[in-house]
Amino acid sequence: GGIVVMTVSRSPIIGITPVEGMFINCDWGTGGFKAIPGSSCSTAEMLADGAPRDLVAPFTIDRCKEFRIIDESVAAAVAH
């Protein structure tokens, strides 16, 4: 048993934080083990550019404040 960290929408948070120079790629829930290797390319591009590119732009932390849901629950093979 343990805690599975995930957003309400079951989608990750990828982007720049309010802390200068701090980027995040988190809250993957149970899909993180499979998804982190692929999303690491987008994270590396974000680190190099200083901003998220189009592919990950919808997944910024701001969407949590604004309660913009990206519902990908149908993409998961397990119930969350």
Foldseek 3Di string as FASTA:
>chain_A
DDDFFADPQLDWAFWDDPPPPDTDTDRNGPCCVPCVVVCVVQNVVCSVVVTGDPVCVVRHPVCVVVVPHDHPQVVDPDHD
